[in-house]
PDB file of N, CA and C in Angstrom:
ATOM      1  N   MET A   1     175.018-104.430 -79.908  1.00  0.00           N
ATOM      2  CA  MET A   1     175.668-102.933 -80.916  1.00  0.00           C
ATOM      3  C   MET A   1     176.497-104.140 -81.910  1.00  0.00           C
ATOM      4  N   ASN A   2     177.056-104.427 -82.926  1.00  0.00           N
ATOM      5  CA  ASN A   2     177.878-105.548 -83.426  1.00  0.00           C
ATOM      6  C   ASN A   2     179.070-103.809 -83.444  1.00  0.00           C
ATOM      7  N   THR A   3     180.342-104.627 -82.989  1.00  0.00           N
ATOM      8  CA  THR A   3     181.324-104.001 -82.978  1.00  0.00           C
ATOM      9  C   THR A   3     182.748-104.738 -83.824  1.00  0.00           C
ATOM     10  N   THR A   4     182.345-105.814 -84.434  1.00  0.00           N
ATOM     11  CA  THR A   4     183.203-106.566 -84.651  1.00  0.00           C
ATOM     12  C   THR A   4     183.576-106.035 -86.848  1.00  0.00           C
ATOM     13  N   ALA A   5     184.845-105.727 -87.042  1.00  0.00           N
ATOM     14  CA  ALA A   5     185.515-104.678 -87.966  1.00  0.00           C
ATOM     15  C   ALA A   5     185.325-106.038 -89.300  1.00  0.00           C
ATOM     16  N   LYS A   6     185.007-105.067 -89.827  1.00  0.00           N
ATOM     17  CA  LYS A   6     185.024-106.448 -91.428  1.00  0.00           C
ATOM     18  C   LYS A   6     186.150-106.210 -92.375  1.00  0.00           C
ATOM     19  N   THR A   7     187.134-107.677 -92.159  1.00  0.00           N
ATOM     20  CA  THR A   7     188.350-107.270 -92.766  1.00  0.00           C
ATOM     21  C   THR A   7     188.440-108.554 -93.991  1.00  0.00           C
ATOM     22  N   PRO A   8     189.239-108.018 -95.151  1.00  0.00           N
ATOM     23  CA  PRO A   8     188.538-108.649 -95.952  1.00  0.00           C
ATOM     24  C   PRO A   8     189.679-109.967 -96.069  1.00  0.00           C
ATOM     25  N   LEU A   9     189.448-110.868 -96.785  1.00  0.00           N
ATOM     26  CA  LEU A   9     190.181-111.687 -97.278  1.00  0.00           C
ATOM     27  C   LEU A   9     191.190-111.945 -97.801  1.00  0.00           C
ATOM     28  N   THR A  10     192.277-112.183 -98.195  1.00  0.00           N
ATOM     29  CA  THR A  10     193.626-112.587 -98.802  1.00  0.00           C
ATOM     30  C   THR A  10     193.514-113.510 -99.767  1.00  0.00           C
ATOM     31  N   ASP A  11     193.927-113.021-101.110  1.00  0.00           N
ATOM     32  CA  ASP A  11     193.883-114.470-101.953  1.00  0.00           C
ATOM     33  C   ASP A  11     194.270-115.428-101.564  1.00  0.00           C
ATOM     34  N   GLN A  12     195.305-115.202-101.010  1.00  0.00           N
ATOM     35  CA  GLN A  12     195.698-116.932-100.457  1.00  0.00           C
ATOM     36  C   GLN A  12     194.654-117.541 -99.402  1.00  0.00           C
ATOM     37  N   GLU A  13     193.825-116.644 -98.752  1.00  0.00           N
ATOM     38  CA  GLU A  13     193.010-117.393 -97.263  1.00  0.00           C
ATOM     39  C   GLU A  13     191.761-117.406 -98.423  1.00  0.00           C
ATOM     40  N   ILE A  14     191.317-116.848 -99.396  1.00  0.00           N
ATOM     41  CA  ILE A  14     190.268-117.649-100.659  1.00  0.00           C
ATOM     42  C   ILE A  14     190.879-118.695-100.607  1.00  0.00           C
ATOM     43  N   ARG A  15     192.050-118.795-101.701  1.00  0.00           N
ATOM     44  CA  ARG A  15     192.300-119.628-102.167  1.00  0.00           C
ATOM     45  C   ARG A  15     192.402-121.564-100.794  1.00  0.00           C
ATOM     46  N   THR A  16     192.991-120.665 -99.563  1.00  0.00           N
ATOM     47  CA  THR A  16     192.972-122.305 -98.690  1.00  0.00           C
ATOM     48  C   THR A  16     191.727-122.491 -98.635  1.00  0.00           C
ATOM     49  N   LEU A  17     190.446-121.443 -98.496  1.00  0.00           N
ATOM     50  CA  LEU A  17     189.055-122.213 -97.961  1.00  0.00           C
ATOM     51  C   LEU A  17     189.034-122.703 -98.988  1.00  0.00           C
ATOM     52  N   ALA A  18     188.356-122.292 -99.774  1.00  0.00           N
ATOM     53  CA  ALA A  18     188.637-123.767-101.585  1.00  0.00           C
ATOM     54  C   ALA A  18     189.082-124.615-100.825  1.00  0.00           C
ATOM     55  N   ALA A  19     190.870-124.789-100.956  1.00  0.00           N
ATOM     56  CA  ALA A  19     191.321-126.006-100.953  1.00  0.00           C
ATOM     57  C   ALA A  19     190.681-127.330 -99.591  1.00  0.00           C
ATOM     58  N   ILE A  20     190.330-126.599 -98.277  1.00  0.00           N
ATOM     59  CA  ILE A  20     190.138-127.047 -97.770  1.00  0.00           C
ATOM     60  C   ILE A  20     188.487-127.788 -97.875  1.00  0.00           C
ATOM     61  N   ILE A  21     187.756-126.590 -98.200  1.00  0.00           N
ATOM     62  CA  ILE A  21     186.195-127.416 -98.933  1.00  0.00           C
ATOM     63  C   ILE A  21     186.420-128.751-100.141  1.00  0.00           C
ATOM     64  N   GLN A  22     187.568-128.218-100.799  1.00  0.00           N
ATOM     65  CA  GLN A  22     187.376-129.803-102.093  1.00  0.00           C
ATOM     66  C   GLN A  22     188.384-130.778-101.238  1.00  0.00           C
ATOM     67  N   THR A  23     189.116-130.475 -99.883  1.00  0.00           N
ATOM     68  CA  THR A  23     189.844-131.771 -99.171  1.00  0.00           C
ATOM     69  C   THR A  23     188.489-132.455 -98.454  1.00  0.00           C
ATOM     70  N   CYS A  24     187.422-132.086 -98.051  1.00  0.00           N
ATOM     71  CA  CYS A  24     186.751-132.181 -96.917  1.00  0.00           C
ATOM     72  C   CYS A  24     185.682-132.982 -97.643  1.00  0.00           C
ATOM     73  N   SER A  25     185.123-132.222 -99.501  1.00  0.00           N
ATOM     74  CA  SER A  25     184.598-132.928-100.001  1.00  0.00           C
ATOM     75  C   SER A  25     185.024-134.551-100.392  1.00  0.00           C
ATOM     76  N   GLN A  26     185.899-134.827-100.617  1.00  0.00           N
ATOM     77  CA  GLN A  26     186.821-135.823-101.290  1.00  0.00           C
ATOM     78  C   GLN A  26     186.982-136.886-100.283  1.00  0.00           C
ATOM     79  N   ARG A  27     186.808-136.386 -99.232  1.00  0.00           N
ATOM     80  CA  ARG A  27     187.140-137.194 -97.824  1.00  0.00           C
ATOM     81  C   ARG A  27     185.991-137.440 -97.103  1.00  0.00           C
ATOM     82  N   GLY A  28     184.500-136.877 -97.960  1.00  0.00           N
ATOM     83  CA  GLY A  28     183.122-137.646 -97.463  1.00  0.00           C
ATOM     84  C   GLY A  28     182.697-136.476 -96.246  1.00  0.00           C
ATOM     85  N   ALA A  29     183.468-135.492 -96.055  1.00  0.00           N
ATOM     86  CA  ALA A  29     182.817-135.151 -95.134  1.00  0.00           C
ATOM     87  C   ALA A  29     181.778-134.156 -95.155  1.00  0.00           C
ATOM     88  N   PHE A  30     180.646-134.129 -96.331  1.00  0.00           N
ATOM     89  CA  PHE A  30     179.568-133.135 -96.213  1.00  0.00           C
ATOM     90  C   PHE A  30     178.743-134.301 -96.557  1.00  0.00           C
ATOM     91  N   LYS A  31     177.215-134.315 -95.760  1.00  0.00           N
ATOM     92  CA  LYS A  31     176.257-135.385 -96.049  1.00  0.00           C
ATOM     93  C   LYS A  31     175.331-134.634 -97.389  1.00  0.00           C
ATOM     94  N   ALA A  32     174.880-135.562 -98.058  1.00  0.00           N
ATOM     95  CA  ALA A  32     173.958-135.167 -99.279  1.00  0.00           C
ATOM     96  C   ALA A  32     173.545-133.711 -99.570  1.00  0.00           C
ATOM     97  N   GLU A  33     173.060-133.421 -98.148  1.00  0.00           N
ATOM     98  CA  GLU A  33     171.701-132.247 -98.440  1.00  0.00           C
ATOM     99  C   GLU A  33     172.958-130.861 -97.933  1.00  0.00           C
ATOM    100  N   GLU A  34     174.221-131.000 -97.778  1.00  0.00           N
ATOM    101  CA  GLU A  34     174.880-130.129 -97.228  1.00  0.00           C
ATOM    102  C   GLU A  34     175.505-129.356 -98.801  1.00  0.00           C
ATOM    103  N   MET A  35     175.813-130.552 -99.570  1.00  0.00           N
ATOM    104  CA  MET A  35     176.058-130.526-100.914  1.00  0.00           C
ATOM    105  C   MET A  35     176.253-129.071-101.723  1.00  0.00           C
ATOM    106  N   LEU A  36     174.921-128.856-101.586  1.00  0.00           N
ATOM    107  CA  LEU A  36     174.622-127.668-102.600  1.00  0.00           C
ATOM    108  C   LEU A  36     175.029-126.378-102.065  1.00  0.00           C
ATOM    109  N   PRO A  37     174.737-125.597-100.970  1.00  0.00           N
ATOM    110  CA  PRO A  37     175.568-124.520-100.246  1.00  0.00           C
ATOM    111  C   PRO A  37     177.100-124.899-100.147  1.00  0.00           C
ATOM    112  N   VAL A  38     177.689-126.161 -99.895  1.00  0.00           N
ATOM    113  CA  VAL A  38     179.072-125.628 -99.710  1.00  0.00           C
ATOM    114  C   VAL A  38     179.697-125.669-101.189  1.00  0.00           C
ATOM    115  N   GLY A  39     178.909-126.295-102.562  1.00  0.00           N
ATOM    116  CA  GLY A  39     179.374-126.020-103.492  1.00  0.00           C
ATOM    117  C   GLY A  39     178.883-125.050-103.812  1.00  0.00           C
ATOM    118  N   THR A  40     177.856-124.171-103.510  1.00  0.00           N
ATOM    119  CA  THR A  40     177.765-122.460-104.023  1.00  0.00           C
ATOM    120  C   THR A  40     178.943-121.701-103.582  1.00  0.00           C
ATOM    121  N   LEU A  41     179.271-122.215-102.122  1.00  0.00           N
ATOM    122  CA  LEU A  41     180.066-121.386-101.503  1.00  0.00           C
ATOM    123  C   LEU A  41     181.556-121.604-102.156  1.00  0.00           C
ATOM    124  N   TYR A  42     182.188-122.588-102.292  1.00  0.00           N
ATOM    125  CA  TYR A  42     183.109-123.047-103.248  1.00  0.00           C
ATOM    126  C   TYR A  42     183.515-122.561-104.547  1.00  0.00           C
ATOM    127  N   ASN A  43     182.320-122.197-105.384  1.00  0.00           N
ATOM    128  CA  ASN A  43     182.096-121.395-106.477  1.00  0.00           C
ATOM    129  C   ASN A  43     182.127-120.360-106.400  1.00  0.00           C
ATOM    130  N   ARG A  44     181.728-119.525-105.109  1.00  0.00           N
ATOM    131  CA  ARG A  44     182.320-118.093-105.037  1.00  0.00           C
ATOM    132  C   ARG A  44     183.555-117.602-104.411  1.00  0.00           C
ATOM    133  N   LEU A  45     184.112-119.018-103.951  1.00  0.00           N
ATOM    134  CA  LEU A  45     185.422-118.428-103.460  1.00  0.00           C
ATOM    135  C   LEU A  45     185.861-118.630-104.666  1.00  0.00           C
ATOM    136  N   MET A  46     185.905-119.339-105.587  1.00  0.00           N
ATOM    137  CA  MET A  46     186.563-119.237-106.548  1.00  0.00           C
ATOM    138  C   MET A  46     186.470-118.426-107.440  1.00  0.00           C
ATOM    139  N   ALA A  47     185.762-117.867-108.181  1.00  0.00           N
ATOM    140  CA  ALA A  47     185.193-116.775-108.452  1.00  0.00           C
ATOM    141  C   ALA A  47     186.094-115.638-108.185  1.00  0.00           C
ATOM    142  N   MET A  48     186.020-115.378-106.227  1.00  0.00           N
ATOM    143  CA  MET A  48     186.412-114.337-106.201  1.00  0.00           C
ATOM    144  C   MET A  48     188.018-114.480-106.423  1.00  0.00           C
ATOM    145  N   ALA A  49     188.923-115.448-105.821  1.00  0.00           N
ATOM    146  CA  ALA A  49     190.451-115.850-106.590  1.00  0.00           C
ATOM    147  C   ALA A  49     190.532-115.654-107.838  1.00  0.00           C
ATOM    148  N   GLN A  50     189.722-116.002-108.860  1.00  0.00           N
ATOM    149  CA  GLN A  50     190.015-115.929-109.981  1.00  0.00           C
ATOM    150  C   GLN A  50     189.877-114.330-110.385  1.00  0.00           C
ATOM    151  N   THR A  51     188.850-113.461-110.131  1.00  0.00           N
ATOM    152  CA  THR A  51     188.510-112.570-109.861  1.00  0.00           C
ATOM    153  C   THR A  51     190.213-111.233-109.789  1.00  0.00           C
ATOM    154  N   GLN A  52     190.291-111.721-108.474  1.00  0.00           N
ATOM    155  CA  GLN A  52     191.828-111.318-107.918  1.00  0.00           C
ATOM    156  C   GLN A  52     193.235-111.353-108.545  1.00  0.00           C
ATOM    157  N   THR A  53     192.592-112.554-109.559  1.00  0.00           N
ATOM    158  CA  THR A  53     194.194-112.722-110.027  1.00  0.00           C
ATOM    159  C   THR A  53     194.125-112.048-111.494  1.00  0.00           C
ATOM    160  N   MET A  54     193.371-111.496-112.417  1.00  0.00           N
ATOM    161  CA  MET A  54     193.123-110.768-113.284  1.00  0.00           C
ATOM    162  C   MET A  54     193.154-109.672-112.630  1.00  0.00           C
ATOM    163  N   ILE A  55     193.096-109.210-111.810  1.00  0.00           N
ATOM    164  CA  ILE A  55     193.099-107.502-110.990  1.00  0.00           C
ATOM    165  C   ILE A  55     194.822-107.768-111.416  1.00  0.00           C
ATOM    166  N   GLN A  56     195.381-108.610-110.357  1.00  0.00           N
ATOM    167  CA  GLN A  56     196.992-108.362-110.033  1.00  0.00           C
ATOM    168  C   GLN A  56     197.084-108.355-111.545  1.00  0.00           C
ATOM    169  N   THR A  57     197.337-109.540-113.138  1.00  0.00           N
ATOM    170  CA  THR A  57     197.636-109.750-113.680  1.00  0.00           C
ATOM    171  C   THR A  57     197.458-108.474-114.407  1.00  0.00           C
ATOM    172  N   GLY A  58     196.418-107.514-114.405  1.00  0.00           N
ATOM    173  CA  GLY A  58     195.664-106.531-115.438  1.00  0.00           C
ATOM    174  C   GLY A  58     196.815-105.252-114.579  1.00  0.00           C
ATOM    175  N   ASP A  59     197.057-105.328-113.378  1.00  0.00           N
ATOM    176  CA  ASP A  59     197.966-104.171-112.718  1.00  0.00           C
ATOM    177  C   ASP A  59     199.262-104.101-113.339  1.00  0.00           C
ATOM    178  N   LYS A  60     199.442-105.798-113.448  1.00  0.00           N
ATOM    179  CA  LYS A  60     201.413-105.913-113.781  1.00  0.00           C
ATOM    180  C   LYS A  60     201.578-105.874-115.453  1.00  0.00           C
ATOM    181  N   ASP A  61     200.290-105.718-116.100  1.00  0.00           N
ATOM    182  CA  ASP A  61     200.029-105.674-117.353  1.00  0.00           C
ATOM    183  C   ASP A  61     200.281-103.968-118.003  1.00  0.00           C
ATOM    184  N   GLU A  62     199.586-103.083-116.647  1.00  0.00           N
ATOM    185  CA  GLU A  62     199.491-101.577-116.987  1.00  0.00           C
ATOM    186  C   GLU A  62     200.839-101.153-117.016  1.00  0.00           C
ATOM    187  N   GLU A  63     201.566-101.811-115.779  1.00  0.00           N
ATOM    188  CA  GLU A  63     202.648-101.473-115.380  1.00  0.00           C
ATOM    189  C   GLU A  63     203.981-101.512-116.851  1.00  0.00           C
ATOM    190  N   LYS A  64     203.979-102.620-117.252  1.00  0.00           N
ATOM    191  CA  LYS A  64     204.769-103.411-117.911  1.00  0.00           C
ATOM    192  C   LYS A  64     204.608-102.050-119.607  1.00  0.00           C
ATOM    193  N   GLU A  65     203.121-101.686-119.925  1.00  0.00           N
ATOM    194  CA  GLU A  65     203.137-100.519-120.939  1.00  0.00           C
ATOM    195  C   GLU A  65     203.469 -99.142-120.382  1.00  0.00           C
ATOM    196  N   LYS A  66     203.335 -98.792-119.521  1.00  0.00           N
ATOM    197  CA  LYS A  66     203.670 -97.833-118.752  1.00  0.00           C
ATOM    198  C   LYS A  66     205.776 -97.515-119.050  1.00  0.00           C
ATOM    199  N   GLU A  67     205.783 -98.829-118.635  1.00  0.00           N
ATOM    200  CA  GLU A  67     207.472 -98.848-118.745  1.00  0.00           C
ATOM    201  C   GLU A  67     207.875 -98.786-120.216  1.00  0.00           C
ATOM    202  N   THR A  68     207.202 -99.271-120.854  1.00  0.00           N
ATOM    203  CA  THR A  68     207.487 -99.453-122.524  1.00  0.00           C
ATOM    204  C   THR A  68     207.674 -98.086-123.071  1.00  0.00           C
ATOM    205  N   LYS A  69     206.679 -97.209-122.909  1.00  0.00           N
ATOM    206  CA  LYS A  69     205.912 -95.900-123.367  1.00  0.00           C
ATOM    207  C   LYS A  69     207.076 -94.873-123.314  1.00  0.00           C
TER     208      LYS A  69
END
């Protein structure tokens, strides 16, 4: 029985993971056959970070619209 709870990653944690992958790849830490899955994960993390940023920015824009009305 799996009792671990799923905890979502924060925007900062997602960006930190992407930065770790970027640093490791620059330092040659990945083998050639590992590049595709690592790159895929990196792209997914960046997409999640961009989505989170758009959501946060959208929330701020909505608040500004309410204040001006």
